C-alpha cells in the first residue's frame, strides 16, 4: 500500500514510477498511468453511499404502472385520496392507504398485500370486491412490528402500484 501511494506521488510530481530503470524510452508515463488508473478504480470500488445504520433510515421506494398510484397517510379526502402523503408510521398505529388505478379496474377484485421488504414474506392480504368501472380502493391498515414493509396493489395478474412504508418502534 505504501509503495502504491509513493508511485502516485511520484506520478503526480511528473516523475516515473518503477524507478526509471524499467523504462528506457520516452513512453515511461504509460505504465504509470495504467497503475494510477488501476489504483483509482481499486479505491473507488469501495466507495459509494454508506449503508444506513438501521433499515428505517432508508428512503421508501414506490412503483407505479401506467400512472397508477398507491399512497399512505393519516387522512383521506372525499375522493378517497390521501390528504398529506406520509411513509413513516409507528408500530400499531392506524393509517390509510389509497390505491388509484387511473383507469377502470376491469375486474371485480383488487388484491392488496402487506409484505415485509426484507424477506418478501406476505404478512397480510385482502381481496377487495370492486366495481369493474371503478378506479379507487382505500382502507385503514397497521403493522405490529417495526421494519420496512410494502403495500402492494394488484389488478388481475399485474401489480399496478407499490409503496414502501417505514414502521418505527412505538414510544413507550
Protein backbone atom coordinates (compact mmCIF):
# COMPACT_ATOMS: atom_id res chain seq x y z
CA UNK A 1 0.00 0.00 0.00
CA UNK A 2 2.82 2.36 0.92
CA UNK A 3 4.50 1.68 -2.44
CA UNK A 4 1.32 2.45 -4.36
CA UNK A 5 0.98 5.78 -2.59
CA UNK A 6 4.64 6.55 -3.33
CA UNK A 7 4.09 5.76 -7.02
CA UNK A 8 1.07 8.05 -7.14
CA UNK A 9 3.05 10.87 -5.52
CA UNK A 10 5.91 10.36 -7.99
CA UNK A 11 3.46 10.29 -10.89
CA UNK A 12 1.72 13.46 -9.73
CA UNK A 13 5.10 15.21 -9.48
CA UNK A 14 5.70 14.36 -13.15
CA UNK A 15 8.20 11.60 -12.45
CA UNK A 16 8.10 7.99 -13.35
CA UNK A 17 7.20 5.06 -11.24
CA UNK A 18 9.05 1.79 -11.03
CA UNK A 19 12.33 3.68 -10.57
CA UNK A 20 13.15 4.61 -14.21
CA UNK A 21 15.30 1.53 -14.76
CA UNK A 22 12.34 -0.38 -16.15
CA UNK A 23 11.80 2.18 -18.91
CA UNK A 24 14.46 3.44 -21.23
CA UNK A 25 12.34 5.30 -23.76
CA UNK A 26 10.03 8.29 -23.56
CA UNK A 27 6.90 6.16 -23.08
CA UNK A 28 7.57 5.59 -19.40
CA UNK A 29 4.43 7.52 -18.40
CA UNK A 30 2.08 4.89 -19.88
CA UNK A 31 2.66 2.16 -17.27
CA UNK A 32 2.46 4.78 -14.54
CA UNK A 33 -0.89 5.99 -15.86
CA UNK A 34 -2.18 2.42 -16.00
CA UNK A 35 -1.04 1.86 -12.41
CA UNK A 36 -2.60 5.15 -11.36
CA UNK A 37 -5.93 4.33 -13.02
CA UNK A 38 -5.91 0.82 -11.58
CA UNK A 39 -5.34 2.30 -8.12
CA UNK A 40 -8.17 4.79 -8.54
CA UNK A 41 -10.53 2.05 -9.72
CA UNK A 42 -9.45 -0.17 -6.81
CA UNK A 43 -10.21 2.52 -4.25
CA UNK A 44 -13.40 3.70 -5.92
CA UNK A 45 -14.97 0.26 -5.92
CA UNK A 46 -15.06 0.53 -2.16
CA UNK A 47 -16.55 4.00 -2.37
CA UNK A 48 -20.22 4.71 -2.56
CA UNK A 49 -23.08 5.54 -0.33
CA UNK A 50 -22.84 4.28 3.20
CA UNK A 51 -25.48 1.80 4.18
CA UNK A 52 -27.89 3.13 6.76
CA UNK A 53 -27.13 2.05 10.31
CA UNK A 54 -30.61 0.63 10.53
CA UNK A 55 -33.11 -0.13 7.84
CA UNK A 56 -35.56 2.58 8.87
CA UNK A 57 -33.08 5.25 7.70
CA UNK A 58 -33.52 4.43 4.02
CA UNK A 59 -35.89 6.23 1.71
CA UNK A 60 -39.05 4.23 0.94
CA UNK A 61 -39.45 3.11 -2.67
CA UNK A 62 -42.59 3.19 -4.76
CA UNK A 63 -43.67 1.61 -8.04
CA UNK A 64 -46.30 2.93 -10.42
CA UNK A 65 -47.50 1.25 -13.61
CA UNK A 66 -49.12 3.47 -16.23
CA UNK A 67 -49.91 6.22 -13.73
CA UNK A 68 -51.50 4.08 -11.03
CA UNK A 69 -50.62 5.31 -7.53
CA UNK A 70 -50.64 3.90 -4.04
CA UNK A 71 -50.22 6.43 -1.25
CA UNK A 72 -50.27 6.24 2.53
CA UNK A 73 -51.15 8.80 5.19
CA UNK A 74 -53.33 9.62 8.18
CA UNK A 75 -56.26 11.25 6.40
CA UNK A 76 -58.26 10.78 3.20
CA UNK A 77 -60.44 13.32 1.41
CA UNK A 78 -63.94 12.96 -0.06
CA UNK A 79 -62.47 11.38 -3.22
CA UNK A 80 -60.70 8.74 -1.08
CA UNK A 81 -57.26 10.19 -1.83
CA UNK A 82 -54.56 10.77 0.80
CA UNK A 83 -54.58 14.38 2.03
CA UNK A 84 -50.93 14.50 3.12
CA UNK A 85 -48.72 11.66 1.91
CA UNK A 86 -46.55 10.03 4.58
CA UNK A 87 -44.40 6.92 4.58
CA UNK A 88 -43.24 6.70 8.21
CA UNK A 89 -45.55 5.47 10.95
CA UNK A 90 -45.32 3.94 14.42
CA UNK A 91 -45.93 0.25 15.13
CA UNK A 92 -49.60 -0.49 15.90
CA UNK A 93 -50.63 2.92 14.56
CA UNK A 94 -53.63 3.08 12.20
CA UNK A 95 -53.17 4.84 8.85
CA UNK A 96 -54.75 4.76 5.40
CA UNK A 97 -53.66 3.51 2.04
CA UNK A 98 -55.34 4.77 -1.12
CA UNK A 99 -54.85 2.99 -4.45
CA UNK A 100 -55.86 4.92 -7.57
CA UNK A 101 -55.65 2.84 -10.77
CA UNK A 102 -56.03 5.79 -13.20
CA UNK A 103 -58.30 3.65 -15.37
CA UNK A 104 -61.26 1.37 -14.64
CA UNK A 105 -60.23 -1.82 -12.86
CA UNK A 106 -61.90 -4.07 -15.44
CA UNK A 107 -62.10 -6.84 -12.83
CA UNK A 108 -64.24 -7.50 -9.78
CA UNK A 109 -61.40 -7.91 -7.24
CA UNK A 110 -58.28 -5.96 -6.33
CA UNK A 111 -55.64 -7.68 -4.18
CA UNK A 112 -53.82 -5.60 -1.57
CA UNK A 113 -50.82 -7.27 0.07
CA UNK A 114 -48.77 -6.14 3.07
CA UNK A 115 -45.25 -7.50 2.51
CA UNK A 116 -42.14 -7.45 4.72
CA UNK A 117 -39.48 -5.87 2.46
CA UNK A 118 -36.55 -7.73 3.99
CA UNK A 119 -37.78 -11.23 3.15
CA UNK A 120 -40.63 -10.65 0.71
CA UNK A 121 -42.95 -12.51 3.10
CA UNK A 122 -46.61 -11.57 2.71
CA UNK A 123 -47.76 -10.59 6.20
CA UNK A 124 -51.39 -9.96 5.24
CA UNK A 125 -53.52 -9.76 2.13
CA UNK A 126 -57.06 -8.83 1.31
CA UNK A 127 -59.15 -9.12 -1.83
CA UNK A 128 -61.38 -6.08 -2.19
CA UNK A 129 -64.57 -6.51 -4.18
CA UNK A 130 -64.73 -3.59 -6.60
CA UNK A 131 -66.90 -2.26 -9.38
CA UNK A 132 -65.11 -3.10 -12.66
CA UNK A 133 -65.81 0.50 -13.73
CA UNK A 134 -64.26 1.86 -10.51
CA UNK A 135 -60.67 3.03 -10.11
CA UNK A 136 -60.01 3.58 -6.36
CA UNK A 137 -59.60 1.32 -3.32
CA UNK A 138 -58.76 2.56 0.17
CA UNK A 139 -58.70 1.20 3.68
CA UNK A 140 -57.13 1.63 7.08
CA UNK A 141 -54.11 -0.58 7.90
CA UNK A 142 -51.44 -1.01 10.59
CA UNK A 143 -48.27 -3.00 11.21
CA UNK A 144 -47.39 -4.52 14.58
CA UNK A 145 -43.61 -4.77 14.23
CA UNK A 146 -41.00 -2.14 13.29
CA UNK A 147 -39.36 -2.54 9.87
CA UNK A 148 -39.83 -1.65 6.22
CA UNK A 149 -42.91 -3.03 4.51
CA UNK A 150 -44.52 -2.80 1.08
CA UNK A 151 -48.17 -2.11 0.44
CA UNK A 152 -48.86 -3.66 -2.97
CA UNK A 153 -51.93 -3.31 -5.21
CA UNK A 154 -52.61 -5.98 -7.81
CA UNK A 155 -55.31 -5.75 -10.50
CA UNK A 156 -55.86 -9.04 -12.26
CA UNK A 157 -52.41 -10.62 -12.59
CA UNK A 158 -50.48 -7.30 -12.60
CA UNK A 159 -49.02 -5.37 -9.68
CA UNK A 160 -50.08 -1.83 -10.60
CA UNK A 161 -48.60 0.10 -7.68
CA UNK A 162 -46.50 -0.42 -4.58
CA UNK A 163 -45.43 1.88 -1.74
CA UNK A 164 -42.88 1.07 0.93
CA UNK A 165 -43.58 2.30 4.44
CA UNK A 166 -41.27 2.57 7.41
CA UNK A 167 -42.70 1.33 10.68
CA UNK A 168 -40.84 2.65 13.72
CA UNK A 169 -40.95 1.28 17.24
CA UNK A 170 -43.69 2.59 19.50
CA UNK A 171 -42.71 5.23 22.05
CA UNK A 172 -43.50 3.62 25.39
